[in-house]
Amino acid sequence: MLICFISNRAELLQENLPSYFDKARELNEQVTFLIINDAASFEKNKPFLDEYRQKTSTCIIHICENTARNFAKEVGADLFFSGKYGGNRNIGLVFSSLLHENILFFDDDTAPLPNTLKKFRTGFQSNAPVIQGGYLGNVGGSIKLLFELVSTLQNKSNQNTDNTELRQRLFNILRGLSDFVDDPQKVQELFLGGSLGIANEISQKYCFFPTSYRVEDALYIRFFPYVFTDKELPVFSKEQIPFVFHKRASKSISTLRSDLVNEIEGTQIGAAIDYLVRAGYSLHLENNFAEAQVQLAMNAGRKAIHQLFPIDFVLSGLEKEKLESRLVSPDDDQVRKELYLLLDICRNPPLLPKTDLVSEIEKFFFCERNWEIFVTALSNSDFIKNITKKNGL
């Protein structure tokens, strides 16, 4: 089994990774850890991982995302590892394929429950091609947080709340933190890259969309049936789902706003690609996109934005008059200004320029069409040979 962490937060990784090491030892089988860091985190984590490797003989592959991307660029395949999200997941898929190991993806702000890894293993033993895990705790997600923000402002029980308490609630949500962070009943069962298992035979044939927009997970599961017509995604009961506890890291006050913009733009891309696939464009063959079809795909993307959240509900909750009447203290200025910026985005959702949208569409179809070729080419590369030899694999 291969357990992969994609992390740019060294402190969080060092806090949560040991619990995964402990649970891996309980499996009584060979487990390899793959840690993919950005440049800054790589340097911070190297002493920690080197020491742990020496103390415990744990097999840890530690690579910098820039190293992998530079190598891919040298062989003319840098698109596969591009983007902040899907590209890094694809690095993990390459190792899963070449080591012939099923892979688990976890985020650095998660911690395993006592049976998390065992449930993933059980799923693979039942020949599940993909295992969708789940989150307990802070479920995150910009749309969910947007609802929570508006509901907090509209909740009558908060009308007489001391402004200090209300301001803190709003401040936390704007930073991406849910009020339900410690509620064990708050469960999310979606396709989550931060709690996910993929069989190695799938890794060889199907990649994530390497993009900087948060749409890679949704598109991966959306088009799985188009790539694997002979496989069905398993349906697990709640007792069978391998959950992790998720406590999202606190970020800046603009987190919700930037995440929402990214999700709106990613939704446009996802809906446009979905339209083209349903229109008959192939994930396996080269496509020539007719201008009329591209325009229809763009229209599908724009339509999807307005289905993302009930705009009237959000706008009524963020009316400037209401905000000014609720947030009157000078201490409220920072929160109030951020809410105004959020209101502007909800009122006028950003639209991707046509050139950017078409570029993302072409990248998606190119990478899916050529993934197997890329993985095969990498199998004999010095980059992979040196890493596997260094780790005794």
Foldseek 3Di string as FASTA:
>chain_A
DEEEEEDADQVLLLVAVVLVVVLVVVVVDQYAYEYEYAPVNLVVCVVVVVVVCVVPVHQYQYDYLVVVLVVCVVVPRNLCLAADPQNVVLVVLLCCQLVQHKYWAAYSQWHFDNCQVVLLVVCVVVVAQKAAAKEFFWPFDLQVLLVVLLCLLVPPVCQPPDLVVSLVQLQQSLQRGHPRRPPRVDMDGDRDSNTMIGRSVVSLQFGFQRHNAPCRRVLRVVCVCVRCVPDDHDDDDPVSHNYIYGGDDGGHSNVSVVNVLSHLASQLLSQLLVQVVVVPDDLADDDDDDPVSLVVSNVRSVVRSCVSHPLVSSLVSLPLVSLCVSQPDPVSVVSNVSSVVSNVCSVPPDRDDSVVSVVSSNSSSVCSNCSNVSSVVCSPDPVVVVSCVVSVD
